[in-house]
Amino acid sequence: MAIIPRAVRKPRARVLPVLITFFMLGATLRVITGLDAALAQGPDETAHVATAALQPAAADPLPATADSIAFSSTQEAAQILVDIRQRERRLQDHETSLNEREVLIAAAQARLQEQVDALTAAERELAATMALADRAAEEDLGRLVSVFQAMGSEEAAAVFSEMAPEFAAGFLARLAPESAAAILSGLEPRQAYALSAILAGRNALVPRD
């Protein structure tokens, strides 16, 4: 093994401390130079530079993650469900209102039908009453006609002379032609002419084949 002389090893041991010293001097000079520049800019700018140096760099906006997207989708789905429920509630309220109206309309129609039925029944009763009255009047007229025919012509003419012309003409039309002619002959000429004119006018309105 070769023995390294001490003269060679000593220079290497001295080089390292010298390099460290140079590095420390360079760092010190850079710090002093930075402080001098800051002092030259003024206290406000120095504080701003110091604050900016202490503050971390603004973080770039993070891209949307799967969790944030899922949360946003959940919110949208919840809002859609709320809207659907509100719409269903409005539809139910509208349907309830329509059902109530239908009930009211059905009740009104039932009352109207009852009134129509009552009116129809009243019309039937009135028609029956009028038919009875007509039959009774016809029977009364028939009996009067029989009485006039049984009377003498002079007595009957005296009664007819007191009647209204239209009423007297109605009775004459029901009498037998011989009885009517006898009564007319017993009346004054003016009355006989008036009754004859009324009878002729009624006969003129009767349709002929």
N, C-alpha and C. Protein backbone atom coordinates (compact mmCIF):
# COMPACT_ATOMS: atom_id res chain seq x y z
N MET A 1 0.86 -1.19 0.00
CA MET A 1 0.00 0.00 0.00
C MET A 1 0.88 1.21 0.00
N ALA A 2 0.55 2.17 -0.87
CA ALA A 2 1.35 3.40 -0.95
C ALA A 2 0.95 4.34 0.14
N ILE A 3 1.84 5.01 0.71
CA ILE A 3 1.61 5.96 1.79
C ILE A 3 1.56 7.33 1.20
N ILE A 4 0.35 8.07 1.46
CA ILE A 4 0.18 9.42 0.90
C ILE A 4 0.92 10.38 1.77
N PRO A 5 1.74 11.16 1.18
CA PRO A 5 2.50 12.13 1.99
C PRO A 5 1.57 13.16 2.59
N ARG A 6 1.83 13.72 3.73
CA ARG A 6 1.04 14.73 4.42
C ARG A 6 0.99 16.03 3.65
N ALA A 7 1.98 16.28 2.81
CA ALA A 7 2.01 17.55 2.05
C ALA A 7 0.88 17.60 1.07
N VAL A 8 0.40 16.43 0.56
CA VAL A 8 -0.68 16.41 -0.43
C VAL A 8 -2.02 16.54 0.24
N ARG A 9 -2.24 15.96 1.45
CA ARG A 9 -3.54 15.93 2.11
C ARG A 9 -3.90 17.26 2.73
N LYS A 10 -3.01 18.07 3.17
CA LYS A 10 -3.28 19.35 3.82
C LYS A 10 -3.96 20.35 2.91
N PRO A 11 -3.57 20.54 1.64
CA PRO A 11 -4.27 21.52 0.78
C PRO A 11 -5.74 21.19 0.61
N ARG A 12 -6.19 19.90 0.53
CA ARG A 12 -7.62 19.54 0.36
C ARG A 12 -8.41 19.93 1.60
N ALA A 13 -7.83 19.78 2.78
CA ALA A 13 -8.54 20.15 4.00
C ALA A 13 -8.74 21.63 4.09
N ARG A 14 -7.96 22.43 3.48
CA ARG A 14 -8.11 23.88 3.53
C ARG A 14 -9.07 24.39 2.48
N VAL A 15 -9.29 23.72 1.41
CA VAL A 15 -10.14 24.20 0.31
C VAL A 15 -11.59 24.24 0.75
N LEU A 16 -12.12 23.28 1.47
CA LEU A 16 -13.53 23.21 1.86
C LEU A 16 -13.95 24.38 2.73
N PRO A 17 -13.19 24.71 3.77
CA PRO A 17 -13.60 25.91 4.55
C PRO A 17 -13.59 27.17 3.73
N VAL A 18 -12.72 27.27 2.80
CA VAL A 18 -12.67 28.49 1.97
C VAL A 18 -13.91 28.57 1.10
N LEU A 19 -14.34 27.47 0.51
CA LEU A 19 -15.55 27.48 -0.33
C LEU A 19 -16.78 27.83 0.48
N ILE A 20 -16.89 27.29 1.68
CA ILE A 20 -18.03 27.60 2.54
C ILE A 20 -18.07 29.06 2.87
N THR A 21 -16.88 29.62 3.12
CA THR A 21 -16.81 31.05 3.44
C THR A 21 -17.29 31.89 2.27
N PHE A 22 -16.90 31.52 1.05
CA PHE A 22 -17.33 32.28 -0.14
C PHE A 22 -18.84 32.21 -0.32
N PHE A 23 -19.41 31.02 -0.12
CA PHE A 23 -20.88 30.89 -0.26
C PHE A 23 -21.61 31.75 0.74
N MET A 24 -21.15 31.76 1.96
CA MET A 24 -21.80 32.57 3.00
C MET A 24 -21.69 34.04 2.69
N LEU A 25 -20.55 34.46 2.18
CA LEU A 25 -20.38 35.88 1.81
C LEU A 25 -21.32 36.25 0.67
N GLY A 26 -21.47 35.35 -0.31
CA GLY A 26 -22.37 35.65 -1.44
C GLY A 26 -23.81 35.76 -0.99
N ALA A 27 -24.25 34.87 -0.11
CA ALA A 27 -25.63 34.94 0.38
C ALA A 27 -25.86 36.21 1.17
N THR A 28 -24.85 36.59 1.97
CA THR A 28 -24.98 37.82 2.76
C THR A 28 -25.09 39.03 1.85
N LEU A 29 -24.30 39.06 0.80
CA LEU A 29 -24.35 40.18 -0.14
C LEU A 29 -25.71 40.26 -0.82
N ARG A 30 -26.31 39.09 -1.19
CA ARG A 30 -27.63 39.11 -1.84
C ARG A 30 -28.70 39.64 -0.91
N VAL A 31 -28.63 39.25 0.34
CA VAL A 31 -29.62 39.74 1.31
C VAL A 31 -29.48 41.24 1.50
N ILE A 32 -28.21 41.70 1.62
CA ILE A 32 -27.99 43.14 1.82
C ILE A 32 -28.45 43.91 0.60
N THR A 33 -28.20 43.37 -0.59
CA THR A 33 -28.62 44.06 -1.82
C THR A 33 -30.14 44.15 -1.89
N GLY A 34 -30.86 43.08 -1.51
CA GLY A 34 -32.33 43.11 -1.52
C GLY A 34 -32.87 44.10 -0.53
N LEU A 35 -32.26 44.20 0.64
CA LEU A 35 -32.72 45.17 1.64
C LEU A 35 -32.49 46.59 1.18
N ASP A 36 -31.34 46.82 0.55
CA ASP A 36 -31.06 48.16 0.03
C ASP A 36 -32.09 48.55 -1.01
N ALA A 37 -32.47 47.64 -1.89
CA ALA A 37 -33.47 47.96 -2.92
C ALA A 37 -34.83 48.22 -2.30
N ALA A 38 -35.16 47.47 -1.26
CA ALA A 38 -36.45 47.69 -0.60
C ALA A 38 -36.48 49.02 0.11
N LEU A 39 -35.37 49.38 0.76
CA LEU A 39 -35.31 50.67 1.44
C LEU A 39 -35.36 51.81 0.45
N ALA A 40 -34.80 51.59 -0.72
CA ALA A 40 -34.83 52.65 -1.74
C ALA A 40 -36.24 52.85 -2.27
N GLN A 41 -37.13 51.84 -2.27
CA GLN A 41 -38.49 51.99 -2.77
C GLN A 41 -39.41 52.68 -1.79
N GLY A 42 -39.12 52.77 -0.57
CA GLY A 42 -39.98 53.45 0.41
C GLY A 42 -40.63 52.45 1.33
N PRO A 43 -41.13 52.95 2.46
CA PRO A 43 -41.71 52.04 3.44
C PRO A 43 -42.95 51.33 2.95
N ASP A 44 -43.85 52.04 2.19
CA ASP A 44 -45.10 51.41 1.72
C ASP A 44 -44.81 50.27 0.78
N GLU A 45 -43.93 50.56 -0.19
CA GLU A 45 -43.61 49.51 -1.16
C GLU A 45 -42.87 48.37 -0.50
N THR A 46 -42.06 48.71 0.52
CA THR A 46 -41.34 47.66 1.24
C THR A 46 -42.32 46.73 1.94
N ALA A 47 -43.34 47.35 2.59
CA ALA A 47 -44.35 46.53 3.27
C ALA A 47 -45.12 45.69 2.28
N HIS A 48 -45.42 46.30 1.11
CA HIS A 48 -46.16 45.56 0.08
C HIS A 48 -45.34 44.39 -0.40
N VAL A 49 -44.04 44.60 -0.62
CA VAL A 49 -43.17 43.53 -1.09
C VAL A 49 -43.07 42.44 -0.05
N ALA A 50 -42.96 42.87 1.23
CA ALA A 50 -42.85 41.88 2.29
C ALA A 50 -44.12 41.08 2.42
N THR A 51 -45.25 41.81 2.34
CA THR A 51 -46.54 41.11 2.45
C THR A 51 -46.74 40.15 1.30
N ALA A 52 -46.40 40.61 0.09
CA ALA A 52 -46.53 39.75 -1.08
C ALA A 52 -45.63 38.55 -0.98
N ALA A 53 -44.47 38.76 -0.36
CA ALA A 53 -43.55 37.64 -0.21
C ALA A 53 -44.07 36.62 0.78
N LEU A 54 -44.77 37.16 1.86
CA LEU A 54 -45.29 36.26 2.88
C LEU A 54 -46.53 35.54 2.43
N GLN A 55 -47.39 36.24 1.61
CA GLN A 55 -48.63 35.61 1.16
C GLN A 55 -48.36 34.51 0.17
N PRO A 56 -49.10 33.41 0.26
CA PRO A 56 -48.92 32.33 -0.72
C PRO A 56 -49.52 32.72 -2.05
N ALA A 57 -49.08 32.13 -3.06
CA ALA A 57 -49.62 32.39 -4.41
C ALA A 57 -51.07 31.97 -4.48
N ALA A 58 -51.85 32.82 -5.22
CA ALA A 58 -53.28 32.54 -5.36
C ALA A 58 -53.47 31.18 -6.00
N ALA A 59 -54.33 30.45 -5.36
CA ALA A 59 -54.57 29.10 -5.86
C ALA A 59 -55.42 29.15 -7.12
N ASP A 60 -55.02 28.39 -8.06
CA ASP A 60 -55.80 28.30 -9.29
C ASP A 60 -57.13 27.62 -8.99
N PRO A 61 -58.21 28.06 -9.69
CA PRO A 61 -59.51 27.41 -9.47
C PRO A 61 -59.43 25.93 -9.75
N LEU A 62 -59.96 25.20 -8.78
CA LEU A 62 -59.91 23.75 -8.92
C LEU A 62 -60.98 23.28 -9.90
N PRO A 63 -60.70 22.32 -10.67
CA PRO A 63 -61.74 21.79 -11.57
C PRO A 63 -62.84 21.11 -10.77
N ALA A 64 -64.05 21.09 -11.38
CA ALA A 64 -65.19 20.47 -10.71
C ALA A 64 -64.92 18.99 -10.49
N THR A 65 -65.14 18.57 -9.26
CA THR A 65 -64.92 17.18 -8.92
C THR A 65 -66.20 16.38 -9.08
N ALA A 66 -66.09 15.08 -8.95
CA ALA A 66 -67.28 14.21 -9.05
C ALA A 66 -68.26 14.49 -7.93
N ASP A 67 -67.73 14.82 -6.73
CA ASP A 67 -68.63 15.11 -5.60
C ASP A 67 -69.43 16.37 -5.85
N SER A 68 -68.76 17.44 -6.37
CA SER A 68 -69.50 18.69 -6.63
C SER A 68 -70.54 18.50 -7.72
N ILE A 69 -70.21 17.73 -8.74
CA ILE A 69 -71.18 17.47 -9.81
C ILE A 69 -72.36 16.67 -9.26
N ALA A 70 -72.10 15.69 -8.42
CA ALA A 70 -73.18 14.89 -7.84
C ALA A 70 -74.06 15.74 -6.93
N PHE A 71 -73.44 16.66 -6.16
CA PHE A 71 -74.22 17.54 -5.28
C PHE A 71 -75.13 18.46 -6.10
N SER A 72 -74.57 19.01 -7.21
CA SER A 72 -75.38 19.88 -8.07
C SER A 72 -76.54 19.10 -8.70
N SER A 73 -76.28 17.88 -9.13
CA SER A 73 -77.35 17.06 -9.72
C SER A 73 -78.42 16.74 -8.68
N THR A 74 -77.99 16.49 -7.44
CA THR A 74 -78.96 16.21 -6.38
C THR A 74 -79.85 17.41 -6.11
N GLN A 75 -79.25 18.62 -6.09
CA GLN A 75 -80.04 19.83 -5.89
C GLN A 75 -81.06 20.01 -7.02
N GLU A 76 -80.63 19.82 -8.28
CA GLU A 76 -81.55 19.96 -9.41
C GLU A 76 -82.68 18.93 -9.32
N ALA A 77 -82.35 17.69 -8.96
CA ALA A 77 -83.39 16.67 -8.83
C ALA A 77 -84.38 17.02 -7.73
N ALA A 78 -83.85 17.55 -6.61
CA ALA A 78 -84.75 17.94 -5.51
C ALA A 78 -85.68 19.07 -5.93
N GLN A 79 -85.14 20.05 -6.67
CA GLN A 79 -85.98 21.16 -7.14
C GLN A 79 -87.04 20.67 -8.12
N ILE A 80 -86.66 19.72 -8.97
CA ILE A 80 -87.64 19.16 -9.92
C ILE A 80 -88.75 18.44 -9.17
N LEU A 81 -88.39 17.69 -8.12
CA LEU A 81 -89.41 17.01 -7.32
C LEU A 81 -90.34 18.00 -6.65
N VAL A 82 -89.77 19.10 -6.13
CA VAL A 82 -90.60 20.14 -5.50
C VAL A 82 -91.57 20.73 -6.52
N ASP A 83 -91.06 21.04 -7.72
CA ASP A 83 -91.93 21.60 -8.76
C ASP A 83 -93.04 20.61 -9.13
N ILE A 84 -92.69 19.33 -9.25
CA ILE A 84 -93.70 18.32 -9.60
C ILE A 84 -94.76 18.22 -8.52
N ARG A 85 -94.34 18.25 -7.25
CA ARG A 85 -95.32 18.17 -6.16
C ARG A 85 -96.22 19.39 -6.13
N GLN A 86 -95.63 20.57 -6.36
CA GLN A 86 -96.46 21.77 -6.41
C GLN A 86 -97.45 21.71 -7.55
N ARG A 87 -97.00 21.22 -8.72
CA ARG A 87 -97.90 21.11 -9.86
C ARG A 87 -99.01 20.09 -9.57
N GLU A 88 -98.64 18.97 -8.94
CA GLU A 88 -99.67 17.99 -8.58
C GLU A 88 -100.66 18.57 -7.58
N ARG A 89 -100.15 19.37 -6.63
CA ARG A 89 -101.06 19.98 -5.64
C ARG A 89 -102.03 20.93 -6.32
N ARG A 90 -101.50 21.74 -7.27
CA ARG A 90 -102.38 22.65 -8.00
C ARG A 90 -103.41 21.88 -8.81
N LEU A 91 -102.99 20.78 -9.44
CA LEU A 91 -103.94 19.98 -10.21
C LEU A 91 -105.00 19.36 -9.31
N GLN A 92 -104.57 18.89 -8.13
CA GLN A 92 -105.54 18.32 -7.20
C GLN A 92 -106.54 19.38 -6.73
N ASP A 93 -106.03 20.59 -6.44
CA ASP A 93 -106.94 21.67 -6.03
C ASP A 93 -107.92 22.00 -7.15
N HIS A 94 -107.40 22.04 -8.39
CA HIS A 94 -108.28 22.34 -9.53
C HIS A 94 -109.31 21.22 -9.71
N GLU A 95 -108.88 19.98 -9.54
CA GLU A 95 -109.81 18.85 -9.68
C GLU A 95 -110.87 18.89 -8.58
N THR A 96 -110.44 19.24 -7.36
CA THR A 96 -111.40 19.37 -6.26
C THR A 96 -112.43 20.45 -6.55
N SER A 97 -111.93 21.59 -7.08
CA SER A 97 -112.85 22.67 -7.43
C SER A 97 -113.83 22.23 -8.51
N LEU A 98 -113.34 21.50 -9.51
CA LEU A 98 -114.23 21.01 -10.57
C LEU A 98 -115.26 20.03 -10.01
N ASN A 99 -114.83 19.16 -9.09
CA ASN A 99 -115.78 18.22 -8.50
C ASN A 99 -116.86 18.95 -7.71
N GLU A 100 -116.45 19.98 -6.97
CA GLU A 100 -117.44 20.76 -6.22
C GLU A 100 -118.42 21.44 -7.17
N ARG A 101 -117.89 21.97 -8.28
CA ARG A 101 -118.79 22.60 -9.26
C ARG A 101 -119.74 21.57 -9.86
N GLU A 102 -119.22 20.38 -10.15
CA GLU A 102 -120.09 19.33 -10.70
C GLU A 102 -121.20 18.96 -9.72
N VAL A 103 -120.86 18.91 -8.43
CA VAL A 103 -121.88 18.61 -7.42
C VAL A 103 -122.94 19.69 -7.40
N LEU A 104 -122.49 20.97 -7.44
CA LEU A 104 -123.45 22.08 -7.44
C LEU A 104 -124.33 22.05 -8.69
N ILE A 105 -123.70 21.77 -9.84
CA ILE A 105 -124.46 21.72 -11.09
C ILE A 105 -125.46 20.57 -11.05
N ALA A 106 -125.02 19.41 -10.53
CA ALA A 106 -125.94 18.27 -10.44
C ALA A 106 -127.12 18.59 -9.53
N ALA A 107 -126.84 19.27 -8.40
CA ALA A 107 -127.93 19.65 -7.49
C ALA A 107 -128.88 20.63 -8.17
N ALA A 108 -128.30 21.60 -8.90
CA ALA A 108 -129.16 22.57 -9.61
C ALA A 108 -129.99 21.88 -10.68
N GLN A 109 -129.38 20.93 -11.40
CA GLN A 109 -130.13 20.20 -12.42
C GLN A 109 -131.25 19.37 -11.79
N ALA A 110 -130.96 18.78 -10.62
CA ALA A 110 -132.00 18.00 -9.94
C ALA A 110 -133.17 18.89 -9.53
N ARG A 111 -132.84 20.09 -8.99
CA ARG A 111 -133.91 21.02 -8.61
C ARG A 111 -134.68 21.48 -9.84
N LEU A 112 -133.96 21.74 -10.93
CA LEU A 112 -134.63 22.16 -12.15
C LEU A 112 -135.54 21.06 -12.69
N GLN A 113 -135.05 19.82 -12.63
CA GLN A 113 -135.88 18.70 -13.09
C GLN A 113 -137.12 18.56 -12.23
N GLU A 114 -136.96 18.77 -10.92
CA GLU A 114 -138.13 18.72 -10.04
C GLU A 114 -139.14 19.80 -10.41
N GLN A 115 -138.62 21.00 -10.70
CA GLN A 115 -139.53 22.08 -11.09
C GLN A 115 -140.21 21.77 -12.42
N VAL A 116 -139.44 21.20 -13.36
CA VAL A 116 -140.04 20.83 -14.65
C VAL A 116 -141.12 19.77 -14.46
N ASP A 117 -140.82 18.78 -13.62
CA ASP A 117 -141.82 17.74 -13.35
C ASP A 117 -143.06 18.32 -12.70
N ALA A 118 -142.83 19.24 -11.74
CA ALA A 118 -143.98 19.87 -11.08
C ALA A 118 -144.79 20.70 -12.07
N LEU A 119 -144.08 21.42 -12.96
CA LEU A 119 -144.78 22.22 -13.96
C LEU A 119 -145.56 21.33 -14.93
N THR A 120 -144.94 20.22 -15.32
CA THR A 120 -145.64 19.29 -16.22
C THR A 120 -146.89 18.72 -15.55
N ALA A 121 -146.74 18.36 -14.27
CA ALA A 121 -147.91 17.84 -13.55
C ALA A 121 -149.00 18.90 -13.43
N ALA A 122 -148.57 20.17 -13.16
CA ALA A 122 -149.55 21.25 -13.07
C ALA A 122 -150.25 21.47 -14.40
N GLU A 123 -149.49 21.37 -15.51
CA GLU A 123 -150.11 21.52 -16.83
C GLU A 123 -151.12 20.41 -17.09
N ARG A 124 -150.76 19.19 -16.68
CA ARG A 124 -151.72 18.08 -16.86
C ARG A 124 -152.99 18.33 -16.05
N GLU A 125 -152.78 18.76 -14.80
CA GLU A 125 -153.95 19.04 -13.97
C GLU A 125 -154.80 20.16 -14.55
N LEU A 126 -154.11 21.21 -15.05
CA LEU A 126 -154.85 22.32 -15.64
C LEU A 126 -155.61 21.87 -16.89
N ALA A 127 -154.93 21.05 -17.71
CA ALA A 127 -155.60 20.56 -18.91
C ALA A 127 -156.82 19.70 -18.54
N ALA A 128 -156.64 18.87 -17.50
CA ALA A 128 -157.78 18.06 -17.07
C ALA A 128 -158.91 18.92 -16.53
N THR A 129 -158.52 19.95 -15.76
CA THR A 129 -159.55 20.86 -15.22
C THR A 129 -160.27 21.60 -16.33
N MET A 130 -159.49 22.06 -17.32
CA MET A 130 -160.11 22.77 -18.45
C MET A 130 -161.01 21.84 -19.25
N ALA A 131 -160.57 20.59 -19.38
CA ALA A 131 -161.42 19.63 -20.10
C ALA A 131 -162.72 19.40 -19.35
N LEU A 132 -162.61 19.30 -18.02
CA LEU A 132 -163.83 19.15 -17.23
C LEU A 132 -164.73 20.38 -17.36
N ALA A 133 -164.08 21.56 -17.33
CA ALA A 133 -164.86 22.79 -17.46
C ALA A 133 -165.52 22.88 -18.83
N ASP A 134 -164.74 22.47 -19.86
CA ASP A 134 -165.33 22.51 -21.21
C ASP A 134 -166.51 21.54 -21.32
N ARG A 135 -166.33 20.35 -20.74
CA ARG A 135 -167.44 19.40 -20.79
C ARG A 135 -168.65 19.91 -20.01
N ALA A 136 -168.34 20.53 -18.86
CA ALA A 136 -169.46 21.07 -18.06
C ALA A 136 -170.15 22.20 -18.80
N ALA A 137 -169.33 23.08 -19.43
CA ALA A 137 -169.92 24.18 -20.18
C ALA A 137 -170.73 23.66 -21.36
N GLU A 138 -170.18 22.64 -22.01
CA GLU A 138 -170.89 22.06 -23.15
C GLU A 138 -172.21 21.43 -22.70
N GLU A 139 -172.15 20.78 -21.57
CA GLU A 139 -173.39 20.18 -21.06
C GLU A 139 -174.41 21.26 -20.69
N ASP A 140 -173.88 22.36 -20.07
CA ASP A 140 -174.79 23.46 -19.73
C ASP A 140 -175.41 24.07 -20.98
N LEU A 141 -174.55 24.27 -22.01
CA LEU A 141 -175.08 24.83 -23.25
C LEU A 141 -176.11 23.89 -23.88
N GLY A 142 -175.82 22.60 -23.83
CA GLY A 142 -176.77 21.65 -24.39
C GLY A 142 -178.12 21.71 -23.68
N ARG A 143 -178.07 21.82 -22.35
CA ARG A 143 -179.33 21.91 -21.62
C ARG A 143 -180.08 23.20 -21.95
N LEU A 144 -179.32 24.34 -22.07
CA LEU A 144 -179.97 25.60 -22.43
C LEU A 144 -180.59 25.53 -23.82
N VAL A 145 -179.86 24.91 -24.75
CA VAL A 145 -180.41 24.77 -26.10
C VAL A 145 -181.71 23.97 -26.05
N SER A 146 -181.71 22.92 -25.26
CA SER A 146 -182.95 22.12 -25.14
C SER A 146 -184.08 22.96 -24.54
N VAL A 147 -183.73 23.82 -23.58
CA VAL A 147 -184.75 24.68 -22.97
C VAL A 147 -185.29 25.66 -24.00
N PHE A 148 -184.39 26.30 -24.78
CA PHE A 148 -184.84 27.27 -25.78
C PHE A 148 -185.71 26.60 -26.85
N GLN A 149 -185.32 25.40 -27.21
CA GLN A 149 -186.13 24.70 -28.22
C GLN A 149 -187.51 24.32 -27.67
N ALA A 150 -187.54 24.10 -26.38
CA ALA A 150 -188.85 23.74 -25.80
C ALA A 150 -189.73 24.96 -25.56
N MET A 151 -189.13 26.13 -25.51
CA MET A 151 -189.90 27.36 -25.27
C MET A 151 -190.65 27.76 -26.54
N GLY A 152 -191.61 28.60 -26.35
CA GLY A 152 -192.27 29.15 -27.51
C GLY A 152 -191.38 30.18 -28.19
N SER A 153 -191.66 30.44 -29.46
CA SER A 153 -190.82 31.36 -30.23
C SER A 153 -190.86 32.77 -29.66
N GLU A 154 -192.02 33.21 -29.19
CA GLU A 154 -192.11 34.56 -28.66
C GLU A 154 -191.33 34.68 -27.34
N GLU A 155 -191.49 33.70 -26.47
CA GLU A 155 -190.76 33.74 -25.21
C GLU A 155 -189.24 33.67 -25.44
N ALA A 156 -188.83 32.80 -26.35
CA ALA A 156 -187.41 32.67 -26.65
C ALA A 156 -186.88 33.95 -27.29
N ALA A 157 -187.67 34.59 -28.16
CA ALA A 157 -187.24 35.83 -28.79
C ALA A 157 -187.07 36.93 -27.76
N ALA A 158 -187.94 36.96 -26.73
CA ALA A 158 -187.80 37.96 -25.68
C ALA A 158 -186.50 37.76 -24.90
N VAL A 159 -186.13 36.50 -24.65
CA VAL A 159 -184.85 36.23 -23.94
C VAL A 159 -183.67 36.60 -24.82
N PHE A 160 -183.69 36.24 -26.11
CA PHE A 160 -182.56 36.52 -27.01
C PHE A 160 -182.37 38.02 -27.21
N SER A 161 -183.45 38.77 -27.14
CA SER A 161 -183.33 40.22 -27.34
C SER A 161 -182.53 40.88 -26.22
N GLU A 162 -182.44 40.22 -25.04
CA GLU A 162 -181.67 40.77 -23.92
C GLU A 162 -180.20 40.31 -23.91
N MET A 163 -179.88 39.35 -24.77
CA MET A 163 -178.51 38.82 -24.81
C MET A 163 -177.61 39.70 -25.66
N ALA A 164 -176.28 39.56 -25.42
CA ALA A 164 -175.30 40.20 -26.30
C ALA A 164 -175.34 39.50 -27.65
N PRO A 165 -175.15 40.23 -28.74
CA PRO A 165 -175.29 39.62 -30.08
C PRO A 165 -174.42 38.39 -30.28
N GLU A 166 -173.14 38.43 -29.85
CA GLU A 166 -172.25 37.27 -30.04
C GLU A 166 -172.75 36.07 -29.25
N PHE A 167 -173.18 36.31 -28.02
CA PHE A 167 -173.68 35.21 -27.17
C PHE A 167 -174.96 34.61 -27.74
N ALA A 168 -175.85 35.48 -28.18
CA ALA A 168 -177.12 35.01 -28.77
C ALA A 168 -176.89 34.25 -30.05
N ALA A 169 -175.91 34.71 -30.87
CA ALA A 169 -175.61 34.01 -32.12
C ALA A 169 -175.08 32.62 -31.84
N GLY A 170 -174.29 32.45 -30.75
CA GLY A 170 -173.78 31.13 -30.39
C GLY A 170 -174.89 30.16 -30.07
N PHE A 171 -175.91 30.63 -29.34
CA PHE A 171 -177.04 29.75 -29.05
C PHE A 171 -177.84 29.43 -30.31
N LEU A 172 -178.08 30.45 -31.14
CA LEU A 172 -178.83 30.21 -32.38
C LEU A 172 -178.16 29.16 -33.25
N ALA A 173 -176.80 29.16 -33.27
CA ALA A 173 -176.08 28.19 -34.10
C ALA A 173 -176.30 26.77 -33.60
N ARG A 174 -176.63 26.57 -32.33
CA ARG A 174 -176.84 25.24 -31.77
C ARG A 174 -178.31 24.76 -31.92
N LEU A 175 -179.16 25.71 -32.14
CA LEU A 175 -180.58 25.34 -32.25
C LEU A 175 -180.87 24.69 -33.61
N ALA A 176 -181.93 23.99 -33.64
CA ALA A 176 -182.39 23.43 -34.92
C ALA A 176 -182.78 24.58 -35.84
N PRO A 177 -182.62 24.44 -37.14
CA PRO A 177 -182.93 25.54 -38.06
C PRO A 177 -184.35 26.07 -37.89
N GLU A 178 -185.34 25.19 -37.65
CA GLU A 178 -186.71 25.66 -37.51
C GLU A 178 -186.88 26.51 -36.25
N SER A 179 -186.22 26.10 -35.13
CA SER A 179 -186.31 26.86 -33.89
C SER A 179 -185.59 28.20 -34.03
N ALA A 180 -184.42 28.21 -34.69
CA ALA A 180 -183.67 29.44 -34.88
C ALA A 180 -184.45 30.42 -35.74
N ALA A 181 -185.09 29.93 -36.79
CA ALA A 181 -185.87 30.81 -37.68
C ALA A 181 -187.06 31.39 -36.94
N ALA A 182 -187.69 30.60 -36.08
CA ALA A 182 -188.85 31.11 -35.32
C ALA A 182 -188.42 32.20 -34.35
N ILE A 183 -187.25 32.02 -33.72
CA ILE A 183 -186.77 33.03 -32.77
C ILE A 183 -186.39 34.31 -33.51
N LEU A 184 -185.72 34.20 -34.65
CA LEU A 184 -185.33 35.38 -35.42
C LEU A 184 -186.56 36.17 -35.88
N SER A 185 -187.60 35.44 -36.23
CA SER A 185 -188.82 36.13 -36.68
C SER A 185 -189.49 36.90 -35.55
N GLY A 186 -189.21 36.53 -34.30
CA GLY A 186 -189.80 37.22 -33.18
C GLY A 186 -188.99 38.40 -32.70
N LEU A 187 -187.79 38.59 -33.24
CA LEU A 187 -186.92 39.71 -32.84
C LEU A 187 -187.21 40.93 -33.70
N GLU A 188 -186.73 42.07 -33.25
CA GLU A 188 -186.81 43.27 -34.06
C GLU A 188 -185.92 43.08 -35.29
N PRO A 189 -186.29 43.74 -36.38
CA PRO A 189 -185.51 43.57 -37.61
C PRO A 189 -184.02 43.89 -37.43
N ARG A 190 -183.72 44.94 -36.66
CA ARG A 190 -182.30 45.31 -36.48
C ARG A 190 -181.56 44.20 -35.75
N GLN A 191 -182.10 43.64 -34.69
CA GLN A 191 -181.46 42.55 -33.95
C GLN A 191 -181.36 41.28 -34.78
N ALA A 192 -182.42 40.99 -35.52
CA ALA A 192 -182.40 39.79 -36.37
C ALA A 192 -181.31 39.91 -37.42
N TYR A 193 -181.15 41.11 -38.00
CA TYR A 193 -180.10 41.30 -39.01
C TYR A 193 -178.71 41.14 -38.39
N ALA A 194 -178.48 41.68 -37.20
CA ALA A 194 -177.16 41.58 -36.56
C ALA A 194 -176.80 40.13 -36.27
N LEU A 195 -177.78 39.36 -35.74
CA LEU A 195 -177.51 37.95 -35.45
C LEU A 195 -177.26 37.16 -36.73
N SER A 196 -178.01 37.47 -37.77
CA SER A 196 -177.82 36.77 -39.05
C SER A 196 -176.44 37.07 -39.63
N ALA A 197 -175.97 38.32 -39.51
CA ALA A 197 -174.64 38.68 -40.03
C ALA A 197 -173.54 37.94 -39.26
N ILE A 198 -173.71 37.82 -37.95
CA ILE A 198 -172.69 37.08 -37.16
C ILE A 198 -172.66 35.62 -37.56
N LEU A 199 -173.84 35.01 -37.70
CA LEU A 199 -173.88 33.60 -38.10
C LEU A 199 -173.27 33.40 -39.48
N ALA A 200 -173.54 34.33 -40.41
CA ALA A 200 -172.99 34.20 -41.76
C ALA A 200 -171.47 34.33 -41.74
N GLY A 201 -170.97 35.24 -40.91
CA GLY A 201 -169.51 35.39 -40.81
C GLY A 201 -168.85 34.15 -40.24
N ARG A 202 -169.45 33.51 -39.26
CA ARG A 202 -168.88 32.28 -38.71
C ARG A 202 -168.92 31.16 -39.73
N ASN A 203 -169.99 31.06 -40.45
CA ASN A 203 -170.07 30.00 -41.46
C ASN A 203 -169.09 30.23 -42.60
N ALA A 204 -168.77 31.50 -42.88
CA ALA A 204 -167.81 31.79 -43.95
C ALA A 204 -166.41 31.32 -43.58
N LEU A 205 -166.11 31.25 -42.27
CA LEU A 205 -164.78 30.81 -41.83
C LEU A 205 -164.64 29.31 -41.80
N VAL A 206 -165.75 28.58 -41.92
CA VAL A 206 -165.68 27.12 -41.90
C VAL A 206 -165.11 26.64 -43.22
N PRO A 207 -164.05 25.80 -43.24
CA PRO A 207 -163.48 25.32 -44.51
C PRO A 207 -164.46 24.40 -45.23
N ARG A 208 -164.48 24.51 -46.54
CA ARG A 208 -165.34 23.68 -47.37
C ARG A 208 -164.48 22.84 -48.30
N ASP A 209 -164.96 21.66 -48.60
CA ASP A 209 -164.23 20.77 -49.51
C ASP A 209 -164.28 21.32 -50.93
